[in-house]
PDB file of N, CA and C in Angstrom:
ATOM      1  N   UNK A   1       0.848  -1.175   0.000  1.00  0.00           N
ATOM      2  CA  UNK A   1       0.000   0.000   0.000  1.00  0.00           C
ATOM      3  C   UNK A   1       0.888   1.230   0.000  1.00  0.00           C
ATOM      4  N   UNK A   2       0.576   2.175  -0.865  1.00  0.00           N
ATOM      5  CA  UNK A   2       1.322   3.424  -0.928  1.00  0.00           C
ATOM      6  C   UNK A   2       0.502   4.568  -0.362  1.00  0.00           C
ATOM      7  N   UNK A   3       1.178   5.530   0.207  1.00  0.00           N
ATOM      8  CA  UNK A   3       0.551   6.735   0.730  1.00  0.00           C
ATOM      9  C   UNK A   3       1.535   7.878   0.628  1.00  0.00           C
ATOM     10  N   UNK A   4       1.069   9.089   0.947  1.00  0.00           N
ATOM     11  CA  UNK A   4       1.915  10.273   0.876  1.00  0.00           C
ATOM     12  C   UNK A   4       2.557  10.524   2.231  1.00  0.00           C
ATOM     13  N   UNK A   5       3.873  10.583   2.267  1.00  0.00           N
ATOM     14  CA  UNK A   5       4.603  10.880   3.495  1.00  0.00           C
ATOM     15  C   UNK A   5       4.871  12.386   3.539  1.00  0.00           C
ATOM     16  N   UNK A   6       4.365  13.052   4.579  1.00  0.00           N
ATOM     17  CA  UNK A   6       4.540  14.505   4.675  1.00  0.00           C
ATOM     18  C   UNK A   6       5.970  14.882   5.053  1.00  0.00           C
ATOM     19  N   UNK A   7       6.698  13.974   5.674  1.00  0.00           N
ATOM     20  CA  UNK A   7       8.082  14.272   6.036  1.00  0.00           C
ATOM     21  C   UNK A   7       9.014  14.122   4.824  1.00  0.00           C
ATOM     22  N   UNK A   8       8.840  13.059   4.056  1.00  0.00           N
ATOM     23  CA  UNK A   8       9.654  12.833   2.854  1.00  0.00           C
ATOM     24  C   UNK A   8       9.151  13.659   1.667  1.00  0.00           C
ATOM     25  N   UNK A   9       7.894  14.124   1.737  1.00  0.00           N
ATOM     26  CA  UNK A   9       7.244  14.904   0.681  1.00  0.00           C
ATOM     27  C   UNK A   9       7.154  14.155  -0.642  1.00  0.00           C
ATOM     28  N   UNK A  10       6.868  12.854  -0.564  1.00  0.00           N
ATOM     29  CA  UNK A  10       6.694  12.028  -1.746  1.00  0.00           C
ATOM     30  C   UNK A  10       5.863  10.807  -1.391  1.00  0.00           C
ATOM     31  N   UNK A  11       5.424  10.057  -2.409  1.00  0.00           N
ATOM     32  CA  UNK A  11       4.687   8.825  -2.154  1.00  0.00           C
ATOM     33  C   UNK A  11       5.672   7.741  -1.747  1.00  0.00           C
ATOM     34  N   UNK A  12       5.327   7.029  -0.687  1.00  0.00           N
ATOM     35  CA  UNK A  12       6.178   5.958  -0.176  1.00  0.00           C
ATOM     36  C   UNK A  12       5.312   4.750   0.170  1.00  0.00           C
ATOM     37  N   UNK A  13       5.942   3.593   0.261  1.00  0.00           N
ATOM     38  CA  UNK A  13       5.244   2.398   0.714  1.00  0.00           C
ATOM     39  C   UNK A  13       5.047   2.472   2.216  1.00  0.00           C
ATOM     40  N   UNK A  14       3.916   1.920   2.684  1.00  0.00           N
ATOM     41  CA  UNK A  14       3.622   1.902   4.111  1.00  0.00           C
ATOM     42  C   UNK A  14       3.939   0.527   4.679  1.00  0.00           C
ATOM     43  N   UNK A  15       4.555   0.507   5.842  1.00  0.00           N
ATOM     44  CA  UNK A  15       4.845  -0.728   6.566  1.00  0.00           C
ATOM     45  C   UNK A  15       3.896  -0.830   7.752  1.00  0.00           C
ATOM     46  N   UNK A  16       3.684  -2.035   8.247  1.00  0.00           N
ATOM     47  CA  UNK A  16       2.826  -2.293   9.415  1.00  0.00           C
ATOM     48  C   UNK A  16       1.428  -1.707   9.219  1.00  0.00           C
ATOM     49  N   UNK A  17       0.828  -1.981   8.061  1.00  0.00           N
ATOM     50  CA  UNK A  17      -0.485  -1.407   7.763  1.00  0.00           C
ATOM     51  C   UNK A  17      -1.596  -2.148   8.491  1.00  0.00           C
ATOM     52  N   UNK A  18      -2.626  -1.397   8.842  1.00  0.00           N
ATOM     53  CA  UNK A  18      -3.833  -1.977   9.412  1.00  0.00           C
ATOM     54  C   UNK A  18      -5.021  -1.126   8.986  1.00  0.00           C
ATOM     55  N   UNK A  19      -6.157  -1.787   8.749  1.00  0.00           N
ATOM     56  CA  UNK A  19      -7.364  -1.070   8.346  1.00  0.00           C
ATOM     57  C   UNK A  19      -8.062  -0.553   9.592  1.00  0.00           C
ATOM     58  N   UNK A  20      -8.384   0.739   9.608  1.00  0.00           N
ATOM     59  CA  UNK A  20      -9.037   1.377  10.748  1.00  0.00           C
ATOM     60  C   UNK A  20     -10.262   2.138  10.257  1.00  0.00           C
ATOM     61  N   UNK A  21     -11.166   2.443  11.178  1.00  0.00           N
ATOM     62  CA  UNK A  21     -12.320   3.273  10.884  1.00  0.00           C
ATOM     63  C   UNK A  21     -12.145   4.591  11.639  1.00  0.00           C
ATOM     64  N   UNK A  22     -12.210   5.696  10.906  1.00  0.00           N
ATOM     65  CA  UNK A  22     -12.031   7.003  11.525  1.00  0.00           C
ATOM     66  C   UNK A  22     -13.312   7.418  12.252  1.00  0.00           C
ATOM     67  N   UNK A  23     -13.245   8.503  13.009  1.00  0.00           N
ATOM     68  CA  UNK A  23     -14.385   8.968  13.801  1.00  0.00           C
ATOM     69  C   UNK A  23     -15.617   9.261  12.950  1.00  0.00           C
ATOM     70  N   UNK A  24     -15.408   9.712  11.723  1.00  0.00           N
ATOM     71  CA  UNK A  24     -16.535  10.042  10.862  1.00  0.00           C
ATOM     72  C   UNK A  24     -17.091   8.825  10.121  1.00  0.00           C
ATOM     73  N   UNK A  25     -16.561   7.634  10.384  1.00  0.00           N
ATOM     74  CA  UNK A  25     -17.070   6.406   9.790  1.00  0.00           C
ATOM     75  C   UNK A  25     -16.368   5.977   8.518  1.00  0.00           C
ATOM     76  N   UNK A  26     -15.455   6.764   8.006  1.00  0.00           N
ATOM     77  CA  UNK A  26     -14.741   6.402   6.779  1.00  0.00           C
ATOM     78  C   UNK A  26     -13.637   5.400   7.079  1.00  0.00           C
ATOM     79  N   UNK A  27     -13.360   4.536   6.116  1.00  0.00           N
ATOM     80  CA  UNK A  27     -12.303   3.541   6.252  1.00  0.00           C
ATOM     81  C   UNK A  27     -10.967   4.150   5.837  1.00  0.00           C
ATOM     82  N   UNK A  28      -9.898   3.742   6.511  1.00  0.00           N
ATOM     83  CA  UNK A  28      -8.566   4.247   6.191  1.00  0.00           C
ATOM     84  C   UNK A  28      -7.535   3.159   6.494  1.00  0.00           C
ATOM     85  N   UNK A  29      -6.381   3.283   5.860  1.00  0.00           N
ATOM     86  CA  UNK A  29      -5.253   2.406   6.161  1.00  0.00           C
ATOM     87  C   UNK A  29      -4.248   3.225   6.957  1.00  0.00           C
ATOM     88  N   UNK A  30      -3.792   2.656   8.049  1.00  0.00           N
ATOM     89  CA  UNK A  30      -2.835   3.319   8.931  1.00  0.00           C
ATOM     90  C   UNK A  30      -1.531   2.532   8.875  1.00  0.00           C
ATOM     91  N   UNK A  31      -0.418   3.240   8.769  1.00  0.00           N
ATOM     92  CA  UNK A  31       0.872   2.571   8.715  1.00  0.00           C
ATOM     93  C   UNK A  31       2.003   3.547   8.976  1.00  0.00           C
ATOM     94  N   UNK A  32       3.210   3.071   8.697  1.00  0.00           N
ATOM     95  CA  UNK A  32       4.409   3.890   8.880  1.00  0.00           C
ATOM     96  C   UNK A  32       5.198   3.918   7.587  1.00  0.00           C
ATOM     97  N   UNK A  33       5.873   5.045   7.354  1.00  0.00           N
ATOM     98  CA  UNK A  33       6.743   5.184   6.187  1.00  0.00           C
ATOM     99  C   UNK A  33       7.919   4.212   6.328  1.00  0.00           C
ATOM    100  N   UNK A  34       8.197   3.461   5.266  1.00  0.00           N
ATOM    101  CA  UNK A  34       9.316   2.510   5.319  1.00  0.00           C
ATOM    102  C   UNK A  34      10.665   3.210   5.411  1.00  0.00           C
ATOM    103  N   UNK A  35      10.758   4.442   4.918  1.00  0.00           N
ATOM    104  CA  UNK A  35      12.033   5.160   4.888  1.00  0.00           C
ATOM    105  C   UNK A  35      12.333   5.878   6.197  1.00  0.00           C
ATOM    106  N   UNK A  36      11.368   6.693   6.689  1.00  0.00           N
ATOM    107  CA  UNK A  36      11.662   7.534   7.851  1.00  0.00           C
ATOM    108  C   UNK A  36      10.877   7.143   9.103  1.00  0.00           C
ATOM    109  N   UNK A  37       9.851   6.303   8.982  1.00  0.00           N
ATOM    110  CA  UNK A  37       9.104   5.845  10.150  1.00  0.00           C
ATOM    111  C   UNK A  37       7.971   6.757  10.592  1.00  0.00           C
ATOM    112  N   UNK A  38       7.668   7.799   9.821  1.00  0.00           N
ATOM    113  CA  UNK A  38       6.584   8.719  10.156  1.00  0.00           C
ATOM    114  C   UNK A  38       5.236   8.018   9.979  1.00  0.00           C
ATOM    115  N   UNK A  39       4.283   8.309  10.861  1.00  0.00           N
ATOM    116  CA  UNK A  39       2.947   7.746  10.739  1.00  0.00           C
ATOM    117  C   UNK A  39       2.248   8.271   9.507  1.00  0.00           C
ATOM    118  N   UNK A  40       1.526   7.380   8.796  1.00  0.00           N
ATOM    119  CA  UNK A  40       0.859   7.743   7.558  1.00  0.00           C
ATOM    120  C   UNK A  40      -0.573   7.217   7.566  1.00  0.00           C
ATOM    121  N   UNK A  41      -1.468   7.919   6.885  1.00  0.00           N
ATOM    122  CA  UNK A  41      -2.842   7.491   6.690  1.00  0.00           C
ATOM    123  C   UNK A  41      -3.177   7.579   5.219  1.00  0.00           C
ATOM    124  N   UNK A  42      -3.991   6.645   4.732  1.00  0.00           N
ATOM    125  CA  UNK A  42      -4.543   6.719   3.394  1.00  0.00           C
ATOM    126  C   UNK A  42      -6.035   6.462   3.523  1.00  0.00           C
ATOM    127  N   UNK A  43      -6.834   7.459   3.152  1.00  0.00           N
ATOM    128  CA  UNK A  43      -8.282   7.328   3.231  1.00  0.00           C
ATOM    129  C   UNK A  43      -8.763   6.483   2.067  1.00  0.00           C
ATOM    130  N   UNK A  44      -9.565   5.455   2.362  1.00  0.00           N
ATOM    131  CA  UNK A  44     -10.062   4.538   1.349  1.00  0.00           C
ATOM    132  C   UNK A  44     -11.435   4.983   0.857  1.00  0.00           C
ATOM    133  N   UNK A  45     -11.883   4.396  -0.239  1.00  0.00           N
ATOM    134  CA  UNK A  45     -13.189   4.711  -0.793  1.00  0.00           C
ATOM    135  C   UNK A  45     -14.326   4.205   0.079  1.00  0.00           C
ATOM    136  N   UNK A  46     -15.539   4.594  -0.275  1.00  0.00           N
ATOM    137  CA  UNK A  46     -16.714   4.209   0.506  1.00  0.00           C
ATOM    138  C   UNK A  46     -17.195   2.788   0.220  1.00  0.00           C
ATOM    139  N   UNK A  47     -16.629   2.105  -0.751  1.00  0.00           N
ATOM    140  CA  UNK A  47     -17.082   0.773  -1.151  1.00  0.00           C
ATOM    141  C   UNK A  47     -16.756  -0.280  -0.145  1.00  0.00           C
TER     142      UNK A  47
END
Protein backbone atom coordinates (compact mmCIF):
# COMPACT_ATOMS: atom_id res chain seq x y z
CA UNK A 1 0.00 0.00 0.00
CA UNK A 2 1.32 3.42 -0.93
CA UNK A 3 0.55 6.73 0.73
CA UNK A 4 1.92 10.27 0.88
CA UNK A 5 4.60 10.88 3.49
CA UNK A 6 4.54 14.50 4.67
CA UNK A 7 8.08 14.27 6.04
CA UNK A 8 9.65 12.83 2.85
CA UNK A 9 7.24 14.90 0.68
CA UNK A 10 6.69 12.03 -1.75
CA UNK A 11 4.69 8.83 -2.15
CA UNK A 12 6.18 5.96 -0.18
CA UNK A 13 5.24 2.40 0.71
CA UNK A 14 3.62 1.90 4.11
CA UNK A 15 4.84 -0.73 6.57
CA UNK A 16 2.83 -2.29 9.42
CA UNK A 17 -0.49 -1.41 7.76
CA UNK A 18 -3.83 -1.98 9.41
CA UNK A 19 -7.36 -1.07 8.35
CA UNK A 20 -9.04 1.38 10.75
CA UNK A 21 -12.32 3.27 10.88
CA UNK A 22 -12.03 7.00 11.52
CA UNK A 23 -14.39 8.97 13.80
CA UNK A 24 -16.53 10.04 10.86
CA UNK A 25 -17.07 6.41 9.79
CA UNK A 26 -14.74 6.40 6.78
CA UNK A 27 -12.30 3.54 6.25
CA UNK A 28 -8.57 4.25 6.19
CA UNK A 29 -5.25 2.41 6.16
CA UNK A 30 -2.84 3.32 8.93
CA UNK A 31 0.87 2.57 8.72
CA UNK A 32 4.41 3.89 8.88
CA UNK A 33 6.74 5.18 6.19
CA UNK A 34 9.32 2.51 5.32
CA UNK A 35 12.03 5.16 4.89
CA UNK A 36 11.66 7.53 7.85
CA UNK A 37 9.10 5.84 10.15
CA UNK A 38 6.58 8.72 10.16
CA UNK A 39 2.95 7.75 10.74
CA UNK A 40 0.86 7.74 7.56
CA UNK A 41 -2.84 7.49 6.69
CA UNK A 42 -4.54 6.72 3.39
CA UNK A 43 -8.28 7.33 3.23
CA UNK A 44 -10.06 4.54 1.35
CA UNK A 45 -13.19 4.71 -0.79
CA UNK A 46 -16.71 4.21 0.51
CA UNK A 47 -17.08 0.77 -1.15
